[in-house]
N, C-alpha and C. Protein backbone atom coordinates (compact mmCIF):
# COMPACT_ATOMS: atom_id res chain seq x y z
N UNK A 1 137.24 -25.12 68.60
CA UNK A 1 137.66 -25.69 67.34
C UNK A 1 139.18 -25.69 67.29
N UNK A 2 139.73 -26.70 66.70
CA UNK A 2 141.17 -26.80 66.56
C UNK A 2 141.54 -26.77 65.09
N UNK A 3 142.55 -25.97 64.76
CA UNK A 3 143.04 -25.90 63.39
C UNK A 3 144.20 -26.89 63.28
N UNK A 4 144.20 -27.71 62.27
CA UNK A 4 145.29 -28.66 62.07
C UNK A 4 145.85 -28.48 60.66
N UNK A 5 147.16 -28.42 60.58
CA UNK A 5 147.85 -28.31 59.30
C UNK A 5 148.70 -29.57 59.16
N UNK A 6 148.55 -30.32 58.10
CA UNK A 6 149.31 -31.55 57.92
C UNK A 6 150.39 -31.36 56.88
N UNK A 7 151.55 -31.85 57.15
CA UNK A 7 152.73 -31.90 56.30
C UNK A 7 153.04 -30.58 55.62
N UNK A 8 153.85 -29.80 56.28
CA UNK A 8 154.38 -28.57 55.70
C UNK A 8 155.84 -28.82 55.42
N UNK A 9 156.27 -28.51 54.25
CA UNK A 9 157.68 -28.73 53.94
C UNK A 9 158.50 -27.53 54.36
N UNK A 10 159.79 -27.73 54.41
CA UNK A 10 160.70 -26.65 54.80
C UNK A 10 160.59 -25.47 53.85
N UNK A 11 160.32 -25.74 52.59
CA UNK A 11 160.25 -24.65 51.61
C UNK A 11 159.14 -23.66 51.97
N UNK A 12 157.98 -24.14 52.42
CA UNK A 12 156.89 -23.25 52.79
C UNK A 12 157.26 -22.41 54.00
N UNK A 13 157.75 -23.05 55.04
CA UNK A 13 158.08 -22.31 56.26
C UNK A 13 159.22 -21.33 56.03
N UNK A 14 160.22 -21.72 55.27
CA UNK A 14 161.36 -20.84 55.03
C UNK A 14 160.95 -19.62 54.21
N UNK A 15 159.96 -19.77 53.37
CA UNK A 15 159.50 -18.62 52.60
C UNK A 15 158.84 -17.59 53.50
N UNK A 16 158.33 -18.04 54.66
CA UNK A 16 157.63 -17.15 55.56
C UNK A 16 158.51 -16.50 56.61
N UNK A 17 159.74 -16.96 56.77
CA UNK A 17 160.59 -16.40 57.82
C UNK A 17 161.95 -16.00 57.27
N UNK A 18 162.48 -14.94 57.82
CA UNK A 18 163.82 -14.52 57.42
C UNK A 18 164.84 -14.90 58.48
N UNK A 19 164.37 -15.47 59.58
CA UNK A 19 165.26 -15.76 60.70
C UNK A 19 165.96 -17.11 60.58
N UNK A 20 165.56 -17.95 59.63
CA UNK A 20 166.15 -19.28 59.55
C UNK A 20 167.03 -19.42 58.33
N UNK A 21 167.81 -20.47 58.34
CA UNK A 21 168.71 -20.76 57.22
C UNK A 21 167.90 -21.22 56.01
N UNK A 22 168.56 -21.45 54.91
CA UNK A 22 167.90 -21.88 53.69
C UNK A 22 167.17 -23.21 53.91
N UNK A 23 166.06 -23.39 53.21
CA UNK A 23 165.24 -24.59 53.36
C UNK A 23 165.96 -25.82 52.82
N UNK A 24 165.58 -26.97 53.38
CA UNK A 24 166.15 -28.23 52.95
C UNK A 24 165.05 -29.27 52.98
N UNK A 25 164.93 -30.07 51.96
CA UNK A 25 163.87 -31.05 51.87
C UNK A 25 163.94 -32.08 52.99
N UNK A 26 165.07 -32.24 53.66
CA UNK A 26 165.20 -33.20 54.75
C UNK A 26 164.57 -32.70 56.04
N UNK A 27 164.18 -31.44 56.11
CA UNK A 27 163.54 -30.87 57.29
C UNK A 27 162.05 -30.80 57.04
N UNK A 28 161.25 -31.40 57.94
CA UNK A 28 159.82 -31.47 57.73
C UNK A 28 159.04 -31.11 58.98
N UNK A 29 158.02 -30.29 58.84
CA UNK A 29 157.05 -30.04 59.89
C UNK A 29 155.87 -30.94 59.54
N UNK A 30 155.59 -31.94 60.38
CA UNK A 30 154.58 -32.92 60.00
C UNK A 30 153.24 -32.71 60.69
N UNK A 31 153.19 -31.89 61.72
CA UNK A 31 151.92 -31.68 62.41
C UNK A 31 151.97 -30.37 63.16
N UNK A 32 150.92 -29.57 63.05
CA UNK A 32 150.78 -28.34 63.83
C UNK A 32 149.32 -28.24 64.25
N UNK A 33 149.09 -27.86 65.51
CA UNK A 33 147.73 -27.67 65.99
C UNK A 33 147.69 -26.39 66.81
N UNK A 34 146.69 -25.57 66.56
CA UNK A 34 146.50 -24.32 67.30
C UNK A 34 145.12 -24.41 67.93
N UNK A 35 145.07 -24.41 69.26
CA UNK A 35 143.82 -24.58 69.98
C UNK A 35 143.09 -23.26 70.15
N UNK A 36 141.79 -23.35 70.22
CA UNK A 36 140.96 -22.23 70.56
C UNK A 36 140.92 -22.18 72.08
N UNK A 37 141.17 -21.13 72.76
CA UNK A 37 141.23 -19.75 72.31
C UNK A 37 142.65 -19.23 72.14
N UNK A 38 143.36 -19.66 71.11
CA UNK A 38 144.68 -19.10 70.83
C UNK A 38 144.51 -17.66 70.40
N UNK A 39 145.41 -16.81 70.85
CA UNK A 39 145.39 -15.42 70.44
C UNK A 39 146.82 -14.92 70.35
N UNK A 40 147.15 -14.20 69.30
CA UNK A 40 148.49 -13.61 69.23
C UNK A 40 148.81 -12.72 70.42
N UNK A 41 147.78 -12.21 71.11
CA UNK A 41 148.04 -11.38 72.28
C UNK A 41 148.71 -12.17 73.40
N UNK A 42 148.51 -13.49 73.44
CA UNK A 42 149.19 -14.33 74.43
C UNK A 42 150.70 -14.28 74.20
N UNK A 43 151.09 -14.34 72.93
CA UNK A 43 152.51 -14.28 72.57
C UNK A 43 153.05 -12.89 72.88
N UNK A 44 152.28 -11.87 72.55
CA UNK A 44 152.72 -10.50 72.83
C UNK A 44 152.94 -10.29 74.33
N UNK A 45 152.06 -10.86 75.16
CA UNK A 45 152.23 -10.76 76.59
C UNK A 45 153.50 -11.48 77.04
N UNK A 46 153.69 -12.69 76.55
CA UNK A 46 154.88 -13.47 76.91
C UNK A 46 156.16 -12.78 76.50
N UNK A 47 156.10 -12.02 75.42
CA UNK A 47 157.29 -11.38 74.85
C UNK A 47 157.39 -9.91 75.21
N UNK A 48 156.59 -9.44 76.11
CA UNK A 48 156.49 -8.00 76.36
C UNK A 48 157.78 -7.37 76.83
N UNK A 49 158.67 -8.13 77.41
CA UNK A 49 159.92 -7.57 77.92
C UNK A 49 161.11 -7.88 77.02
N UNK A 50 160.83 -8.32 75.79
CA UNK A 50 161.91 -8.56 74.84
C UNK A 50 162.55 -9.93 74.95
N UNK A 51 162.01 -10.80 75.82
CA UNK A 51 162.51 -12.16 75.97
C UNK A 51 161.33 -13.13 75.91
N UNK A 52 161.59 -14.34 75.41
CA UNK A 52 160.58 -15.39 75.38
C UNK A 52 161.25 -16.64 75.93
N UNK A 53 160.75 -17.13 77.07
CA UNK A 53 161.38 -18.27 77.75
C UNK A 53 161.23 -19.56 76.94
N UNK A 54 162.31 -20.34 76.88
CA UNK A 54 162.35 -21.60 76.14
C UNK A 54 162.96 -22.66 77.05
N UNK A 55 162.40 -23.88 76.98
CA UNK A 55 162.97 -25.03 77.69
C UNK A 55 163.26 -26.12 76.68
N UNK A 56 164.38 -26.80 76.84
CA UNK A 56 164.69 -28.00 76.06
C UNK A 56 164.61 -29.17 77.02
N UNK A 57 163.84 -30.18 76.67
CA UNK A 57 163.69 -31.38 77.49
C UNK A 57 163.90 -32.60 76.61
N UNK A 58 164.02 -33.75 77.26
CA UNK A 58 164.18 -34.99 76.52
C UNK A 58 165.63 -35.30 76.23
N UNK A 59 165.90 -35.82 75.06
CA UNK A 59 167.23 -36.23 74.65
C UNK A 59 168.11 -35.01 74.39
N UNK A 60 169.41 -35.25 74.39
CA UNK A 60 170.37 -34.17 74.08
C UNK A 60 170.30 -33.86 72.58
N UNK A 61 170.60 -32.63 72.23
CA UNK A 61 170.68 -32.26 70.82
C UNK A 61 171.92 -32.90 70.21
N UNK A 62 171.90 -33.17 68.92
CA UNK A 62 173.05 -33.80 68.26
C UNK A 62 174.33 -32.99 68.46
N UNK A 63 175.43 -33.72 68.59
CA UNK A 63 176.72 -33.07 68.71
C UNK A 63 176.94 -32.36 70.04
N UNK A 64 176.08 -32.63 71.03
CA UNK A 64 176.23 -31.99 72.33
C UNK A 64 175.92 -30.51 72.32
N UNK A 65 175.23 -30.05 71.27
CA UNK A 65 174.89 -28.63 71.14
C UNK A 65 173.93 -28.21 72.26
N UNK A 66 174.18 -27.05 72.87
CA UNK A 66 173.27 -26.55 73.90
C UNK A 66 172.02 -25.97 73.25
N UNK A 67 170.94 -25.90 74.02
CA UNK A 67 169.70 -25.30 73.51
C UNK A 67 169.90 -23.85 73.10
N UNK A 68 170.63 -23.11 73.92
CA UNK A 68 170.86 -21.69 73.62
C UNK A 68 171.63 -21.54 72.31
N UNK A 69 172.63 -22.40 72.09
CA UNK A 69 173.39 -22.35 70.84
C UNK A 69 172.51 -22.73 69.65
N UNK A 70 171.65 -23.72 69.84
CA UNK A 70 170.76 -24.15 68.74
C UNK A 70 169.79 -23.04 68.36
N UNK A 71 169.33 -22.28 69.34
CA UNK A 71 168.42 -21.17 69.04
C UNK A 71 169.13 -20.10 68.22
N UNK A 72 170.40 -19.88 68.48
CA UNK A 72 171.22 -18.99 67.67
C UNK A 72 170.62 -17.63 67.39
N UNK A 73 170.00 -16.99 68.38
CA UNK A 73 169.47 -15.65 68.16
C UNK A 73 168.09 -15.60 67.54
N UNK A 74 167.36 -16.73 67.46
CA UNK A 74 166.00 -16.70 66.92
C UNK A 74 165.12 -15.77 67.75
N UNK A 75 164.21 -15.10 67.08
CA UNK A 75 163.24 -14.24 67.75
C UNK A 75 161.84 -14.59 67.30
N UNK A 76 160.86 -14.14 68.07
CA UNK A 76 159.48 -14.23 67.61
C UNK A 76 159.36 -13.25 66.44
N UNK A 77 158.38 -13.46 65.59
CA UNK A 77 158.26 -12.58 64.43
C UNK A 77 156.81 -12.21 64.19
N UNK A 78 156.61 -11.31 63.28
CA UNK A 78 155.27 -10.98 62.85
C UNK A 78 154.63 -9.85 63.61
N UNK A 79 153.33 -10.00 63.92
CA UNK A 79 152.52 -8.93 64.46
C UNK A 79 152.74 -8.60 65.92
N UNK A 80 153.54 -9.38 66.63
CA UNK A 80 153.83 -9.03 68.01
C UNK A 80 155.26 -8.53 68.12
N UNK A 81 155.60 -7.87 69.21
CA UNK A 81 156.96 -7.33 69.33
C UNK A 81 158.00 -8.45 69.25
N UNK A 82 159.08 -8.26 68.51
CA UNK A 82 160.10 -9.31 68.45
C UNK A 82 160.72 -9.51 69.82
N UNK A 83 160.92 -10.77 70.17
CA UNK A 83 161.52 -11.11 71.46
C UNK A 83 162.54 -12.21 71.24
N UNK A 84 163.65 -12.11 71.91
CA UNK A 84 164.70 -13.11 71.82
C UNK A 84 164.25 -14.39 72.51
N UNK A 85 164.33 -15.52 71.80
CA UNK A 85 164.05 -16.81 72.41
C UNK A 85 165.29 -17.21 73.21
N UNK A 86 165.11 -17.51 74.49
CA UNK A 86 166.25 -17.79 75.33
C UNK A 86 165.94 -18.86 76.37
N UNK A 87 166.93 -19.71 76.63
CA UNK A 87 166.81 -20.70 77.69
C UNK A 87 167.20 -20.11 79.04
N UNK A 88 167.68 -18.88 79.00
CA UNK A 88 168.11 -18.20 80.22
C UNK A 88 167.39 -16.85 80.37
N UNK A 89 166.05 -16.90 80.55
CA UNK A 89 165.33 -15.62 80.68
C UNK A 89 165.73 -14.90 81.96
N UNK A 90 165.62 -13.61 81.91
CA UNK A 90 165.95 -12.78 83.06
C UNK A 90 165.03 -13.11 84.22
N UNK A 91 165.56 -13.08 85.41
CA UNK A 91 164.72 -13.31 86.58
C UNK A 91 164.57 -12.03 87.40
N UNK A 92 164.90 -10.92 86.76
CA UNK A 92 164.86 -9.68 87.51
C UNK A 92 163.60 -8.88 87.17
N UNK A 93 162.94 -8.37 88.20
CA UNK A 93 161.80 -7.48 88.04
C UNK A 93 160.62 -8.10 87.32
N UNK A 94 160.00 -7.31 86.46
CA UNK A 94 158.77 -7.70 85.77
C UNK A 94 159.00 -8.84 84.79
N UNK A 95 160.21 -9.00 84.28
CA UNK A 95 160.47 -10.05 83.30
C UNK A 95 160.21 -11.44 83.87
N UNK A 96 160.47 -11.63 85.15
CA UNK A 96 160.27 -12.94 85.77
C UNK A 96 158.79 -13.32 85.82
N UNK A 97 157.90 -12.34 85.74
CA UNK A 97 156.47 -12.60 85.83
C UNK A 97 155.87 -13.33 84.66
N UNK A 98 156.54 -13.34 83.51
CA UNK A 98 155.94 -14.00 82.35
C UNK A 98 156.64 -15.30 81.98
N UNK A 99 157.44 -15.87 82.88
CA UNK A 99 158.16 -17.09 82.54
C UNK A 99 157.29 -18.35 82.57
N UNK A 100 156.04 -18.28 83.07
CA UNK A 100 155.15 -19.43 82.93
C UNK A 100 154.65 -19.52 81.49
N UNK A 101 154.81 -18.45 80.72
CA UNK A 101 154.54 -18.45 79.29
C UNK A 101 155.86 -18.86 78.64
N UNK A 102 155.88 -20.03 78.03
CA UNK A 102 157.15 -20.53 77.52
C UNK A 102 156.93 -21.46 76.34
N UNK A 103 157.99 -21.67 75.61
CA UNK A 103 158.01 -22.62 74.51
C UNK A 103 158.85 -23.79 74.96
N UNK A 104 158.28 -25.00 74.92
CA UNK A 104 159.00 -26.19 75.35
C UNK A 104 159.31 -27.04 74.12
N UNK A 105 160.58 -27.37 73.94
CA UNK A 105 161.01 -28.27 72.87
C UNK A 105 161.36 -29.61 73.50
N UNK A 106 160.64 -30.66 73.14
CA UNK A 106 160.92 -32.01 73.61
C UNK A 106 161.67 -32.74 72.49
N UNK A 107 162.93 -33.06 72.76
CA UNK A 107 163.80 -33.64 71.74
C UNK A 107 163.71 -35.17 71.76
N UNK A 108 163.45 -35.75 70.61
CA UNK A 108 163.38 -37.20 70.38
C UNK A 108 162.43 -37.94 71.31
N UNK A 109 161.16 -37.50 71.36
CA UNK A 109 160.21 -38.29 72.16
C UNK A 109 160.06 -39.67 71.53
N UNK A 110 159.83 -40.68 72.38
CA UNK A 110 159.69 -42.05 71.89
C UNK A 110 158.53 -42.17 70.90
N UNK A 111 157.49 -41.41 71.17
CA UNK A 111 156.34 -41.37 70.26
C UNK A 111 155.66 -40.00 70.43
N UNK A 112 154.79 -39.69 69.52
CA UNK A 112 154.04 -38.44 69.61
C UNK A 112 153.13 -38.51 70.83
N UNK A 113 153.22 -37.53 71.70
CA UNK A 113 152.44 -37.53 72.94
C UNK A 113 151.54 -36.31 72.99
N UNK A 114 150.59 -36.34 73.90
CA UNK A 114 149.70 -35.23 74.11
C UNK A 114 150.52 -34.01 74.53
N UNK A 115 150.28 -32.89 73.89
CA UNK A 115 151.06 -31.68 74.16
C UNK A 115 150.90 -31.19 75.59
N UNK A 116 149.76 -31.47 76.22
CA UNK A 116 149.57 -31.05 77.61
C UNK A 116 150.60 -31.72 78.51
N UNK A 117 151.00 -32.95 78.19
CA UNK A 117 152.05 -33.63 78.98
C UNK A 117 153.38 -32.91 78.82
N UNK A 118 153.62 -32.34 77.66
CA UNK A 118 154.88 -31.61 77.44
C UNK A 118 154.93 -30.40 78.36
N UNK A 119 153.80 -29.75 78.60
CA UNK A 119 153.76 -28.59 79.49
C UNK A 119 153.76 -29.00 80.95
N UNK A 120 153.06 -30.09 81.27
CA UNK A 120 152.85 -30.50 82.65
C UNK A 120 154.03 -31.29 83.22
N UNK A 121 154.54 -32.28 82.49
CA UNK A 121 155.57 -33.16 83.03
C UNK A 121 156.50 -33.66 81.92
N UNK A 122 157.26 -32.76 81.30
CA UNK A 122 158.08 -33.18 80.16
C UNK A 122 159.17 -34.19 80.52
N UNK A 123 159.63 -34.19 81.75
CA UNK A 123 160.69 -35.12 82.13
C UNK A 123 160.18 -36.55 82.31
N UNK A 124 158.85 -36.74 82.36
CA UNK A 124 158.27 -38.07 82.49
C UNK A 124 158.01 -38.73 81.14
N UNK A 125 158.26 -38.04 80.05
CA UNK A 125 157.99 -38.58 78.72
C UNK A 125 159.23 -39.34 78.25
N UNK A 126 159.06 -40.62 77.88
CA UNK A 126 160.23 -41.40 77.43
C UNK A 126 160.81 -40.86 76.13
N UNK A 127 162.12 -40.90 76.04
CA UNK A 127 162.80 -40.51 74.80
C UNK A 127 163.40 -41.76 74.18
N UNK A 128 163.61 -41.71 72.89
CA UNK A 128 164.15 -42.86 72.17
C UNK A 128 165.65 -42.69 71.99
N UNK A 129 166.27 -43.82 71.76
CA UNK A 129 167.70 -43.78 71.45
C UNK A 129 167.86 -43.11 70.08
N UNK A 130 169.02 -42.55 69.84
CA UNK A 130 169.29 -41.86 68.59
C UNK A 130 168.99 -42.78 67.41
N UNK A 131 168.11 -42.32 66.54
CA UNK A 131 167.72 -43.13 65.39
C UNK A 131 168.12 -42.51 64.07
N UNK A 132 169.06 -41.58 64.08
CA UNK A 132 169.49 -40.96 62.84
C UNK A 132 168.84 -39.61 62.59
N UNK A 133 167.55 -39.50 62.82
CA UNK A 133 166.85 -38.23 62.66
C UNK A 133 166.67 -37.60 64.03
N UNK A 134 166.54 -36.29 64.06
CA UNK A 134 166.20 -35.59 65.29
C UNK A 134 164.75 -35.14 65.17
N UNK A 135 163.91 -35.63 66.08
CA UNK A 135 162.49 -35.26 66.12
C UNK A 135 162.29 -34.30 67.28
N UNK A 136 161.50 -33.26 67.05
CA UNK A 136 161.23 -32.29 68.11
C UNK A 136 159.74 -32.00 68.16
N UNK A 137 159.17 -32.14 69.35
CA UNK A 137 157.80 -31.75 69.61
C UNK A 137 157.87 -30.42 70.35
N UNK A 138 157.25 -29.39 69.81
CA UNK A 138 157.27 -28.06 70.41
C UNK A 138 155.88 -27.71 70.91
N UNK A 139 155.81 -27.10 72.10
CA UNK A 139 154.52 -26.68 72.64
C UNK A 139 154.65 -25.28 73.23
N UNK A 140 153.67 -24.42 72.93
CA UNK A 140 153.57 -23.10 73.56
C UNK A 140 152.72 -23.31 74.80
N UNK A 141 153.35 -23.19 75.95
CA UNK A 141 152.71 -23.50 77.23
C UNK A 141 152.47 -22.24 78.04
N UNK A 142 151.34 -22.24 78.72
CA UNK A 142 151.07 -21.26 79.76
C UNK A 142 150.73 -22.09 80.97
N UNK A 143 151.64 -22.09 81.93
CA UNK A 143 151.49 -23.00 83.06
C UNK A 143 151.54 -24.43 82.57
N UNK A 144 150.49 -25.20 82.85
CA UNK A 144 150.43 -26.60 82.44
C UNK A 144 149.57 -26.82 81.20
N UNK A 145 149.13 -25.74 80.57
CA UNK A 145 148.25 -25.87 79.39
C UNK A 145 149.01 -25.57 78.11
N UNK A 146 148.78 -26.39 77.10
CA UNK A 146 149.37 -26.17 75.78
C UNK A 146 148.35 -25.43 74.91
N UNK A 147 148.75 -24.28 74.39
CA UNK A 147 147.87 -23.52 73.51
C UNK A 147 148.10 -23.83 72.04
N UNK A 148 149.30 -24.26 71.72
CA UNK A 148 149.59 -24.69 70.36
C UNK A 148 150.79 -25.63 70.42
N UNK A 149 150.92 -26.45 69.40
CA UNK A 149 152.03 -27.40 69.38
C UNK A 149 152.30 -27.84 67.96
N UNK A 150 153.49 -28.37 67.76
CA UNK A 150 153.88 -28.85 66.45
C UNK A 150 154.97 -29.90 66.58
N UNK A 151 155.15 -30.66 65.52
CA UNK A 151 156.11 -31.76 65.52
C UNK A 151 156.89 -31.69 64.21
N UNK A 152 158.18 -31.80 64.31
CA UNK A 152 159.01 -31.77 63.11
C UNK A 152 160.25 -32.61 63.28
N UNK A 153 160.95 -32.82 62.19
CA UNK A 153 162.17 -33.63 62.24
C UNK A 153 163.16 -33.14 61.20
N UNK A 154 164.41 -33.51 61.43
CA UNK A 154 165.50 -33.14 60.54
C UNK A 154 166.46 -34.32 60.46
N UNK A 155 167.05 -34.52 59.29
CA UNK A 155 168.00 -35.61 59.10
C UNK A 155 169.28 -35.41 59.90
N UNK A 156 169.90 -36.52 60.27
CA UNK A 156 171.12 -36.47 61.08
C UNK A 156 172.26 -35.75 60.35
N UNK A 157 172.28 -35.82 59.04
CA UNK A 157 173.37 -35.21 58.28
C UNK A 157 173.22 -33.70 58.11
N UNK A 158 172.14 -33.11 58.64
CA UNK A 158 171.91 -31.67 58.51
C UNK A 158 172.68 -30.85 59.54
N UNK A 159 173.11 -31.48 60.62
CA UNK A 159 173.95 -30.81 61.62
C UNK A 159 173.26 -29.66 62.33
N UNK A 160 174.09 -28.77 62.88
CA UNK A 160 173.61 -27.64 63.68
C UNK A 160 172.71 -26.71 62.86
N UNK A 161 173.05 -26.48 61.59
CA UNK A 161 172.23 -25.60 60.75
C UNK A 161 170.83 -26.19 60.55
N UNK A 162 170.74 -27.51 60.40
CA UNK A 162 169.44 -28.16 60.25
C UNK A 162 168.59 -28.06 61.50
N UNK A 163 169.21 -28.20 62.67
CA UNK A 163 168.48 -28.06 63.93
C UNK A 163 167.98 -26.63 64.08
N UNK A 164 168.82 -25.65 63.77
CA UNK A 164 168.43 -24.24 63.85
C UNK A 164 167.25 -23.96 62.91
N UNK A 165 167.32 -24.49 61.71
CA UNK A 165 166.24 -24.31 60.74
C UNK A 165 164.94 -24.93 61.25
N UNK A 166 165.02 -26.15 61.79
CA UNK A 166 163.83 -26.81 62.32
C UNK A 166 163.23 -26.01 63.47
N UNK A 167 164.06 -25.53 64.39
CA UNK A 167 163.54 -24.72 65.50
C UNK A 167 162.86 -23.46 64.98
N UNK A 168 163.46 -22.80 63.99
CA UNK A 168 162.85 -21.60 63.42
C UNK A 168 161.49 -21.89 62.80
N UNK A 169 161.38 -23.02 62.10
CA UNK A 169 160.10 -23.39 61.49
C UNK A 169 159.06 -23.72 62.54
N UNK A 170 159.48 -24.43 63.59
CA UNK A 170 158.54 -24.75 64.67
C UNK A 170 158.04 -23.48 65.36
N UNK A 171 158.95 -22.55 65.62
CA UNK A 171 158.56 -21.27 66.24
C UNK A 171 157.53 -20.56 65.37
N UNK A 172 157.79 -20.48 64.08
CA UNK A 172 156.88 -19.81 63.16
C UNK A 172 155.49 -20.45 63.17
N UNK A 173 155.44 -21.78 63.26
CA UNK A 173 154.17 -22.49 63.21
C UNK A 173 153.48 -22.61 64.55
N UNK A 174 154.23 -22.71 65.64
CA UNK A 174 153.64 -22.94 66.95
C UNK A 174 153.22 -21.64 67.63
N UNK A 175 153.91 -20.55 67.35
CA UNK A 175 153.47 -19.25 67.87
C UNK A 175 153.21 -18.30 66.69
N UNK A 176 152.16 -18.61 65.92
CA UNK A 176 151.85 -17.77 64.75
C UNK A 176 151.49 -16.36 65.19
N UNK A 177 151.82 -15.41 64.35
CA UNK A 177 151.53 -14.03 64.70
C UNK A 177 150.12 -13.62 64.33
N UNK A 178 149.39 -14.49 63.68
CA UNK A 178 147.98 -14.22 63.39
C UNK A 178 147.16 -15.43 63.77
N UNK A 179 145.94 -15.20 64.25
CA UNK A 179 145.05 -16.28 64.64
C UNK A 179 144.51 -16.96 63.39
N UNK A 180 144.86 -18.24 63.15
CA UNK A 180 144.40 -18.90 61.93
C UNK A 180 142.89 -19.06 61.85
N UNK A 181 142.19 -19.07 62.99
CA UNK A 181 140.74 -19.22 62.97
C UNK A 181 140.03 -17.93 62.58
N UNK A 182 140.68 -16.81 62.76
CA UNK A 182 140.05 -15.52 62.48
C UNK A 182 140.44 -15.01 61.10
N UNK A 183 140.69 -15.90 60.19
CA UNK A 183 141.04 -15.51 58.83
C UNK A 183 142.44 -14.93 58.71
N UNK A 184 143.24 -15.15 59.74
CA UNK A 184 144.61 -14.68 59.68
C UNK A 184 144.81 -13.25 60.12
N UNK A 185 143.75 -12.50 60.34
CA UNK A 185 143.90 -11.08 60.67
C UNK A 185 143.23 -10.70 61.98
N UNK A 186 142.84 -11.67 62.77
CA UNK A 186 142.16 -11.35 64.01
C UNK A 186 140.83 -10.66 63.73
N UNK A 187 140.47 -9.71 64.52
CA UNK A 187 139.21 -9.00 64.33
C UNK A 187 139.33 -7.83 63.37
N UNK A 188 140.58 -7.52 62.99
CA UNK A 188 140.79 -6.42 62.06
C UNK A 188 140.69 -6.90 60.61
N UNK A 189 140.23 -6.08 59.71
CA UNK A 189 140.23 -6.49 58.31
C UNK A 189 141.67 -6.57 57.77
N UNK A 190 141.86 -7.50 56.87
CA UNK A 190 143.20 -7.65 56.26
C UNK A 190 143.51 -6.51 55.34
C-alpha cells in the first residue's frame, strides 16, 4: 500500500520542524509518497554514523548556490538519531558502507518522473530551462530503489532562504520519522 499526501503548504511543514526558516506561502510541497515497506529504521541505519548522504542532480540551484550551502546544516529529525545531511559524506571506515542509502534532489525536472528513475539514472532525466520557480523532486534511495519521494517548489524571489526552507520541508516529508501506515507510531503504542 502506498500513502499519498496531496498539497501540503509551507505552514504545515514549518510547524513540524525547527530546522527550517519561517514558512512562506510561495513554498509548496505538492506531492509526497511513502512506499510499503518504508520503515524509520531504514533512515536510522542510513544515519547511524551521524551523516546522511545527499546528491543534487539536474539543473543548477538559483544563484549558483552549491548543494552543501543550500542544505545549510540541515539534519534528519524525529525518532531516529540526528544526522547531518551532506553532499560530501565521509568515505572512511564504516561510514562509507551506508552511502547507497541517500537522499537525491533532482532540481527542475522537465516533468514529474517516476522516483525509481531518480535513484537509478538521475542524469538521464531532462531538466527544463529556468522558468522562474525552482522545482525539486526528492527521493530517499537505497541503491536503485526509491522508498519515498516528494515534489515541491519555491518562487524565484525567495532566494537562498526559500531553497533552504523547501529542502527542509522535503526532508521532513520524504524521510518521516514515523511510519505513516502504522498509525504514526510503528508497532509501539503512541
